Amino acid sequence: MDDLYFVGGDVCYRGSGIDLTGEKGVDQMDQEIIRRRYKAVSIAAFVIATALLVMRIVSYYVQIALIDSEMDEAWLNLLLDAIFTVPVQVFILLLFPLFYFRKVEGGFPGVCEMSNYRKTDYRICLIAVLLGLLAPLVSVGVSLAWQIILIILGYTPSSADTVLPGSFNAAYFILSIFLTAVLPAVCEEFVNRGGLLTAMSKTHGKVKTIVLVGIAFGLFHQYIMQSAYTAVFGAVLAFITLQSGSVYPAMIIHFMNNAFSVYMESAEYYGWAVGGNFYNALNDVLTGNFAVAAAMYAVVLAAFFGLLVWIWRISKKSNRVTSINCCVAYKPTKKEKAFYIGAIVMTVISTFITYLFNVV
């Protein structure tokens, strides 16, 4: 317990080895650490949102330049994806905040602590694998409900046919997994369930922290059709990170969810026996028998929430878990909140560009 420090008598944060002895000094030091991290994350959020806006514009012109390329359409789409994804994930979401937070924290150990890179109960990580497999099925209902709402509001969802190489190509599949599952699981979680969650958890209560991190994740994707599901997904990952005290389960779920989606897309396209036939059968049920589809979805939801409850129970009983406690230990000033507001504005502009020019 010597690496825990306190605010108002409550355990509010798992520290990083800083000496906080002395009752008066504890409060002052707590406030300074929380303020410093909140400010650092807010500035990083604004810079990231601005950089994403620039990348959306660059991506649009690159797409225009390559539109008449003689390259195979599937590989061209993958190239365009890589041109946008690699700079965004590696440089904007990982390396920039990593070295910026290192400067703020005075070293990488502080960055790891701030970003919730801690050990947790191995059972939570195993449950995370199952949650990652169920997540794409849960997304079906959330996405469908959101699509209906958008149609009612007058928005016409756009859809594009899946384009893959004519015959299965292992290199294409591996690159797709890397771009779609590996990079987001590492880079997006570092920022969202790492620094952002840490900042929110010391300035808001638990429910508000979960909601805010979820909404931020939905806005971050800058795509109207995905915003509802990604917001719900982000909130679930925030809950799991708070309970487990570690970002690793969220990384596992994020990877499994995205990788499973890539696999199922290929399975359907190529008609693989493992996955493809299941996907087609499931689609037939969903479109042909509402009662059966609703019952199946209810079972999936029950299993999904059952696993979340299991994580909650483990976090309460296991001595290998130090959950992240949320509390209003610091109240940011309007000036300190300004960067978050700026980040939201930049994200809304990027979303508009994505919608207007169909740059995804």
Protein backbone atom coordinates (compact mmCIF):
# COMPACT_ATOMS: atom_id res chain seq x y z
CA MET A 1 0.00 0.00 0.00
CA ASP A 2 3.03 2.33 0.18
CA ASP A 3 2.55 3.31 -3.46
CA LEU A 4 -0.99 4.60 -2.88
CA TYR A 5 -1.64 8.19 -2.00
CA PHE A 6 -4.74 9.90 -0.75
CA VAL A 7 -7.02 12.86 -1.34
CA GLY A 8 -9.42 13.79 1.39
CA GLY A 9 -8.78 10.49 3.16
CA ASP A 10 -9.81 8.37 0.16
CA VAL A 11 -7.51 6.29 -1.99
CA CYS A 12 -7.73 8.09 -5.29
CA TYR A 13 -4.73 7.07 -7.30
CA ARG A 14 -2.09 4.43 -7.63
CA GLY A 15 1.09 6.47 -7.63
CA SER A 16 4.48 6.02 -9.26
CA GLY A 17 6.90 5.84 -6.36
CA ILE A 18 6.78 9.55 -5.48
CA ASP A 19 7.33 10.34 -1.80
CA LEU A 20 4.14 11.95 -0.53
CA THR A 21 4.74 11.83 3.22
CA GLY A 22 3.26 14.50 5.44
CA GLU A 23 -0.46 15.19 5.59
CA LYS A 24 -0.31 18.75 4.27
CA GLY A 25 2.26 17.86 1.62
CA VAL A 26 0.16 14.92 0.44
CA ASP A 27 -2.78 17.08 -0.63
CA GLN A 28 -0.59 19.67 -2.32
CA MET A 29 1.43 17.04 -4.17
CA ASP A 30 -1.70 15.15 -5.20
CA GLN A 31 -3.23 18.29 -6.64
CA GLU A 32 -0.07 19.12 -8.57
CA ILE A 33 0.31 15.64 -10.07
CA ILE A 34 -3.35 15.46 -11.09
CA ARG A 35 -3.31 19.02 -12.50
CA ARG A 36 -0.11 18.32 -14.43
CA ARG A 37 -1.48 15.13 -15.95
CA TYR A 38 -4.88 16.65 -16.75
CA LYS A 39 -3.19 19.55 -18.56
CA ALA A 40 -0.81 17.24 -20.42
CA VAL A 41 -3.64 15.01 -21.64
CA SER A 42 -5.78 18.00 -22.67
CA ILE A 43 -2.95 19.47 -24.76
CA ALA A 44 -2.22 16.06 -26.28
CA ALA A 45 -5.92 15.62 -27.13
CA PHE A 46 -6.00 18.96 -28.96
CA VAL A 47 -2.80 18.24 -30.89
CA ILE A 48 -4.04 14.74 -31.82
CA ALA A 49 -7.44 16.05 -32.97
CA THR A 50 -5.76 18.76 -35.06
CA ALA A 51 -3.33 16.27 -36.59
CA LEU A 52 -6.22 13.94 -37.44
CA LEU A 53 -7.96 16.80 -39.23
CA VAL A 54 -4.83 17.45 -41.28
CA MET A 55 -4.53 13.74 -42.08
CA ARG A 56 -8.17 13.62 -43.23
CA ILE A 57 -7.45 16.41 -45.72
CA VAL A 58 -4.18 14.80 -46.87
CA SER A 59 -5.93 11.44 -47.21
CA TYR A 60 -8.61 12.99 -49.39
CA TYR A 61 -6.09 14.43 -51.87
CA VAL A 62 -4.06 11.21 -51.90
CA GLN A 63 -7.25 9.32 -52.69
CA ILE A 64 -7.96 11.72 -55.55
CA ALA A 65 -4.41 11.33 -56.88
CA LEU A 66 -4.59 7.53 -56.88
CA ILE A 67 -8.21 7.13 -57.99
CA ASP A 68 -7.22 6.34 -61.60
CA SER A 69 -4.38 4.02 -60.62
CA GLU A 70 -4.14 0.71 -62.47
CA MET A 71 -3.42 -1.06 -59.20
CA ASP A 72 -5.78 -3.85 -58.16
CA GLU A 73 -8.71 -2.27 -56.33
CA ALA A 74 -8.29 -4.37 -53.19
CA TRP A 75 -4.60 -3.54 -52.87
CA LEU A 76 -5.28 0.11 -53.67
CA ASN A 77 -7.80 0.30 -50.83
CA LEU A 78 -5.28 -1.33 -48.49
CA LEU A 79 -2.60 1.15 -49.59
CA LEU A 80 -4.92 4.10 -48.92
CA ASP A 81 -5.74 2.60 -45.55
CA ALA A 82 -2.04 2.26 -44.72
CA ILE A 83 -1.24 5.82 -45.84
CA PHE A 84 -3.77 7.12 -43.31
CA THR A 85 -3.56 4.50 -40.56
CA VAL A 86 0.20 4.13 -40.04
CA PRO A 87 0.98 7.86 -39.52
CA VAL A 88 -2.13 8.31 -37.36
CA GLN A 89 -1.62 5.25 -35.17
CA VAL A 90 2.17 5.15 -34.88
CA PHE A 91 3.17 8.81 -34.90
CA ILE A 92 0.08 10.72 -33.77
CA LEU A 93 -1.46 8.31 -31.24
CA LEU A 94 1.65 6.54 -29.93
CA LEU A 95 5.01 8.26 -30.39
CA PHE A 96 3.87 11.86 -29.93
CA PRO A 97 2.00 11.33 -26.63
CA LEU A 98 4.60 8.79 -25.47
CA PHE A 99 7.50 11.25 -25.63
CA TYR A 100 5.37 14.21 -24.58
CA PHE A 101 4.13 12.35 -21.49
CA ARG A 102 7.70 11.21 -20.84
CA LYS A 103 8.76 14.84 -20.63
CA VAL A 104 5.84 15.65 -18.34
CA GLU A 105 6.38 12.61 -16.09
CA GLY A 106 10.17 12.75 -16.08
CA GLY A 107 10.64 9.26 -17.48
CA PHE A 108 8.98 6.23 -19.02
CA PRO A 109 8.05 4.59 -15.67
CA GLY A 110 5.75 7.53 -14.99
CA VAL A 111 4.27 7.23 -18.47
CA CYS A 112 3.53 3.53 -17.90
CA GLU A 113 1.84 4.32 -14.61
CA MET A 114 -0.13 7.19 -16.11
CA SER A 115 -1.22 4.99 -19.01
CA ASN A 116 -2.32 2.12 -16.74
CA TYR A 117 0.29 -0.41 -17.87
CA ARG A 118 0.02 -2.64 -14.79
CA LYS A 119 -0.32 -6.33 -14.05
CA THR A 120 -3.77 -7.65 -13.29
CA ASP A 121 -5.44 -10.98 -12.56
CA TYR A 122 -4.81 -13.40 -15.46
CA ARG A 123 -8.47 -14.50 -15.33
CA ILE A 124 -9.56 -11.04 -16.43
CA CYS A 125 -7.28 -11.31 -19.47
CA LEU A 126 -8.80 -14.68 -20.37
CA ILE A 127 -12.31 -13.25 -20.03
CA ALA A 128 -11.18 -10.38 -22.26
CA VAL A 129 -10.56 -12.86 -25.09
CA LEU A 130 -14.17 -14.07 -24.87
CA LEU A 131 -15.49 -10.51 -24.71
CA GLY A 132 -13.48 -9.66 -27.81
CA LEU A 133 -15.14 -12.51 -29.70
CA LEU A 134 -18.63 -11.50 -28.56
CA ALA A 135 -18.16 -7.77 -29.16
CA PRO A 136 -18.70 -7.88 -32.96
CA LEU A 137 -22.01 -9.71 -32.39
CA VAL A 138 -23.09 -7.13 -29.79
CA SER A 139 -22.24 -4.38 -32.26
CA VAL A 140 -24.86 -5.72 -34.69
CA GLY A 141 -27.75 -4.60 -32.48
CA VAL A 142 -26.17 -1.27 -31.49
CA SER A 143 -25.30 -0.42 -35.09
CA LEU A 144 -28.77 -1.39 -36.35
CA ALA A 145 -30.49 0.77 -33.72
CA TRP A 146 -28.19 3.69 -34.53
CA GLN A 147 -28.80 3.27 -38.26
CA ILE A 148 -32.57 3.43 -37.69
CA ILE A 149 -32.16 6.62 -35.65
CA LEU A 150 -30.02 8.20 -38.38
CA ILE A 151 -32.60 7.33 -41.04
CA ILE A 152 -35.36 8.87 -38.92
CA LEU A 153 -33.24 12.02 -38.61
CA GLY A 154 -32.88 12.15 -42.39
CA TYR A 155 -29.34 10.81 -42.72
CA THR A 156 -28.83 8.28 -45.50
CA PRO A 157 -26.20 5.72 -44.46
CA SER A 158 -23.67 4.97 -47.18
CA SER A 159 -22.35 1.48 -47.73
CA ALA A 160 -19.66 0.01 -49.92
CA ASP A 161 -19.22 -3.55 -51.10
CA THR A 162 -16.31 -5.45 -49.62
CA VAL A 163 -13.44 -5.67 -52.10
CA LEU A 164 -10.75 -8.28 -51.45
CA PRO A 165 -8.22 -10.00 -53.75
CA GLY A 166 -9.84 -12.47 -56.16
CA SER A 167 -8.24 -15.38 -54.31
CA PHE A 168 -7.10 -15.48 -50.71
CA ASN A 169 -3.75 -13.76 -50.21
CA ALA A 170 -1.97 -14.39 -46.90
CA ALA A 171 0.11 -11.20 -47.11
CA TYR A 172 -3.01 -9.10 -47.69
CA PHE A 173 -4.77 -10.78 -44.75
CA ILE A 174 -1.82 -10.30 -42.37
CA LEU A 175 -1.43 -6.64 -43.36
CA SER A 176 -5.17 -6.12 -42.81
CA ILE A 177 -4.91 -7.64 -39.32
CA PHE A 178 -1.91 -5.43 -38.56
CA LEU A 179 -3.58 -2.21 -39.73
CA THR A 180 -7.04 -2.97 -38.37
CA ALA A 181 -6.34 -4.89 -35.16
CA VAL A 182 -2.73 -4.68 -33.94
CA LEU A 183 -2.10 -0.95 -34.33
CA PRO A 184 -5.45 0.23 -32.88
CA ALA A 185 -5.20 -2.17 -29.93
CA VAL A 186 -1.80 -0.76 -28.98
CA CYS A 187 -1.98 2.88 -30.03
CA GLU A 188 -5.62 3.80 -29.42
CA GLU A 189 -5.68 2.13 -26.01
CA PHE A 190 -2.50 3.96 -24.98
CA VAL A 191 -4.31 7.26 -25.46
CA ASN A 192 -7.93 6.45 -24.64
CA ARG A 193 -7.89 3.93 -21.79
CA GLY A 194 -4.45 5.21 -20.83
CA GLY A 195 -3.87 8.93 -20.46
CA LEU A 196 -7.43 10.14 -21.08
CA LEU A 197 -9.00 7.73 -18.59
CA THR A 198 -6.40 8.68 -15.97
CA ALA A 199 -7.18 12.37 -16.40
CA MET A 200 -10.95 11.87 -16.29
CA SER A 201 -10.86 9.49 -13.31
CA LYS A 202 -9.39 12.15 -11.02
CA THR A 203 -11.73 14.93 -12.10
CA HIS A 204 -15.04 13.02 -12.32
CA GLY A 205 -16.91 10.18 -10.64
CA LYS A 206 -16.88 6.64 -12.01
CA VAL A 207 -20.03 6.77 -14.15
CA LYS A 208 -19.15 10.13 -15.66
CA THR A 209 -15.60 8.95 -16.38
CA ILE A 210 -16.89 5.88 -18.22
CA VAL A 211 -19.40 7.95 -20.22
CA LEU A 212 -16.89 10.67 -21.14
CA VAL A 213 -14.20 8.20 -22.23
CA GLY A 214 -16.80 6.33 -24.28
CA ILE A 215 -18.08 9.48 -26.00
CA ALA A 216 -14.51 10.60 -26.70
CA PHE A 217 -13.78 7.23 -28.33
CA GLY A 218 -16.91 7.54 -30.48
CA LEU A 219 -15.98 11.05 -31.59
CA PHE A 220 -12.38 10.01 -32.18
CA HIS A 221 -13.40 7.66 -35.02
CA GLN A 222 -14.92 10.61 -36.90
CA TYR A 223 -17.38 8.46 -38.79
CA ILE A 224 -21.09 8.96 -38.18
CA MET A 225 -22.09 5.36 -38.86
CA GLN A 226 -19.59 4.02 -36.30
CA SER A 227 -20.00 6.67 -33.62
CA ALA A 228 -22.69 4.93 -31.54
CA TYR A 229 -21.06 1.50 -31.43
CA THR A 230 -17.56 2.85 -30.83
CA ALA A 231 -18.89 5.06 -28.01
CA VAL A 232 -20.53 2.04 -26.33
CA PHE A 233 -17.43 -0.06 -26.99
CA GLY A 234 -15.20 2.66 -25.54
CA ALA A 235 -17.36 2.92 -22.41
CA VAL A 236 -17.19 -0.86 -21.86
CA LEU A 237 -13.41 -0.81 -22.22
CA ALA A 238 -13.23 2.11 -19.77
CA PHE A 239 -15.24 0.12 -17.21
CA ILE A 240 -12.99 -2.92 -17.62
CA THR A 241 -9.83 -0.80 -17.28
CA LEU A 242 -11.12 0.85 -14.11
CA GLN A 243 -12.07 -2.49 -12.58
CA SER A 244 -8.93 -4.37 -13.59
CA GLY A 245 -6.60 -1.44 -12.91
CA SER A 246 -4.85 -2.26 -16.17
CA VAL A 247 -5.10 -1.32 -19.85
CA TYR A 248 -4.05 -4.82 -20.99
CA PRO A 249 -7.56 -6.39 -20.94
CA ALA A 250 -8.85 -3.49 -23.05
CA MET A 251 -6.01 -4.04 -25.53
CA ILE A 252 -6.89 -7.74 -25.78
CA ILE A 253 -10.59 -7.03 -26.36
CA HIS A 254 -9.82 -4.33 -28.91
CA PHE A 255 -7.50 -6.65 -30.83
CA MET A 256 -9.85 -9.64 -30.72
CA ASN A 257 -12.85 -7.55 -31.79
CA ASN A 258 -11.10 -6.00 -34.79
CA ALA A 259 -9.25 -9.17 -35.82
CA PHE A 260 -12.45 -11.21 -35.61
CA SER A 261 -14.17 -8.65 -37.85
CA VAL A 262 -11.39 -8.90 -40.44
CA TYR A 263 -11.55 -12.70 -40.35
CA MET A 264 -15.33 -12.80 -40.72
CA GLU A 265 -15.18 -10.37 -43.62
CA SER A 266 -12.75 -12.70 -45.41
CA ALA A 267 -14.76 -15.78 -44.40
CA GLU A 268 -17.91 -14.35 -45.94
CA TYR A 269 -16.14 -13.13 -49.07
CA TYR A 270 -14.34 -16.42 -49.79
CA GLY A 271 -17.05 -18.70 -48.42
CA TRP A 272 -14.86 -20.37 -45.81
CA ALA A 273 -16.50 -23.26 -43.97
CA VAL A 274 -15.31 -21.91 -40.61
CA GLY A 275 -16.95 -18.53 -40.36
CA GLY A 276 -18.34 -17.88 -43.80
CA ASN A 277 -21.24 -20.34 -43.64
CA PHE A 278 -21.96 -19.29 -40.06
CA TYR A 279 -22.02 -15.63 -41.09
CA ASN A 280 -24.37 -16.30 -44.00
CA ALA A 281 -26.66 -18.44 -41.84
CA LEU A 282 -26.72 -15.76 -39.15
CA ASN A 283 -27.50 -13.11 -41.73
CA ASP A 284 -30.40 -15.18 -43.06
CA VAL A 285 -31.81 -15.51 -39.54
CA LEU A 286 -31.42 -11.82 -38.78
CA THR A 287 -33.16 -10.77 -41.97
CA GLY A 288 -35.81 -13.48 -42.08
CA ASN A 289 -37.02 -14.24 -38.57
CA PHE A 290 -37.14 -11.36 -36.12
CA ALA A 291 -38.23 -13.46 -33.14
CA VAL A 292 -35.35 -15.92 -33.50
CA ALA A 293 -32.90 -13.09 -34.17
CA ALA A 294 -34.06 -11.22 -31.05
CA ALA A 295 -33.72 -14.36 -28.94
CA MET A 296 -30.21 -15.01 -30.26
CA TYR A 297 -29.18 -11.43 -29.60
CA ALA A 298 -30.60 -11.61 -26.07
CA VAL A 299 -28.43 -14.67 -25.39
CA VAL A 300 -25.34 -12.87 -26.72
CA LEU A 301 -26.08 -9.80 -24.59
CA ALA A 302 -26.65 -11.95 -21.51
CA ALA A 303 -23.32 -13.71 -22.06
CA PHE A 304 -21.54 -10.40 -22.67
CA PHE A 305 -22.87 -8.72 -19.53
CA GLY A 306 -22.35 -11.91 -17.55
CA LEU A 307 -18.66 -11.75 -18.40
CA LEU A 308 -18.53 -8.09 -17.35
CA VAL A 309 -20.07 -9.02 -13.99
CA TRP A 310 -17.49 -11.78 -13.66
CA ILE A 311 -14.70 -9.22 -14.16
CA TRP A 312 -16.31 -7.00 -11.53
CA ARG A 313 -16.47 -9.87 -9.04
CA ILE A 314 -12.84 -10.84 -9.65
CA SER A 315 -11.72 -7.22 -9.22
CA LYS A 316 -13.45 -7.09 -5.84
CA LYS A 317 -11.99 -10.35 -4.50
CA SER A 318 -8.59 -10.83 -6.12
CA ASN A 319 -5.48 -9.57 -4.33
CA ARG A 320 -3.81 -9.34 -7.75
CA VAL A 321 -6.08 -6.48 -8.80
CA THR A 322 -5.81 -2.83 -7.77
CA SER A 323 -8.83 -1.12 -9.30
CA ILE A 324 -8.64 2.52 -10.33
CA ASN A 325 -10.82 4.56 -7.99
CA CYS A 326 -12.54 7.58 -9.49
CA CYS A 327 -13.00 10.72 -7.41
CA VAL A 328 -13.18 14.47 -7.92
CA ALA A 329 -9.71 15.12 -6.55
CA TYR A 330 -9.15 18.18 -8.72
CA LYS A 331 -11.45 20.69 -10.41
CA PRO A 332 -9.95 21.99 -13.66
CA THR A 333 -10.20 25.65 -14.54
CA LYS A 334 -12.00 26.86 -17.67
CA LYS A 335 -8.63 27.57 -19.24
CA GLU A 336 -7.50 23.99 -18.61
CA LYS A 337 -10.73 22.66 -20.16
CA ALA A 338 -10.26 24.82 -23.27
CA PHE A 339 -7.96 22.32 -24.98
CA TYR A 340 -10.58 19.56 -24.61
CA ILE A 341 -13.20 21.84 -26.13
CA GLY A 342 -10.80 22.63 -28.97
CA ALA A 343 -10.23 18.91 -29.52
CA ILE A 344 -13.99 18.34 -29.78
CA VAL A 345 -14.33 21.16 -32.34
CA MET A 346 -11.50 19.72 -34.46
CA THR A 347 -13.06 16.26 -34.25
CA VAL A 348 -16.47 17.55 -35.38
CA ILE A 349 -14.83 19.27 -38.36
CA SER A 350 -13.01 16.03 -39.25
CA THR A 351 -16.27 14.09 -39.00
CA PHE A 352 -17.93 16.58 -41.36
CA ILE A 353 -15.07 16.17 -43.86
CA THR A 354 -15.40 12.38 -43.60
CA TYR A 355 -19.13 12.65 -44.33
CA LEU A 356 -18.83 15.29 -47.07
CA PHE A 357 -15.99 13.71 -49.03
CA ASN A 358 -16.50 10.07 -48.02
CA VAL A 359 -12.97 9.83 -46.62
CA VAL A 360 -13.00 6.91 -44.16
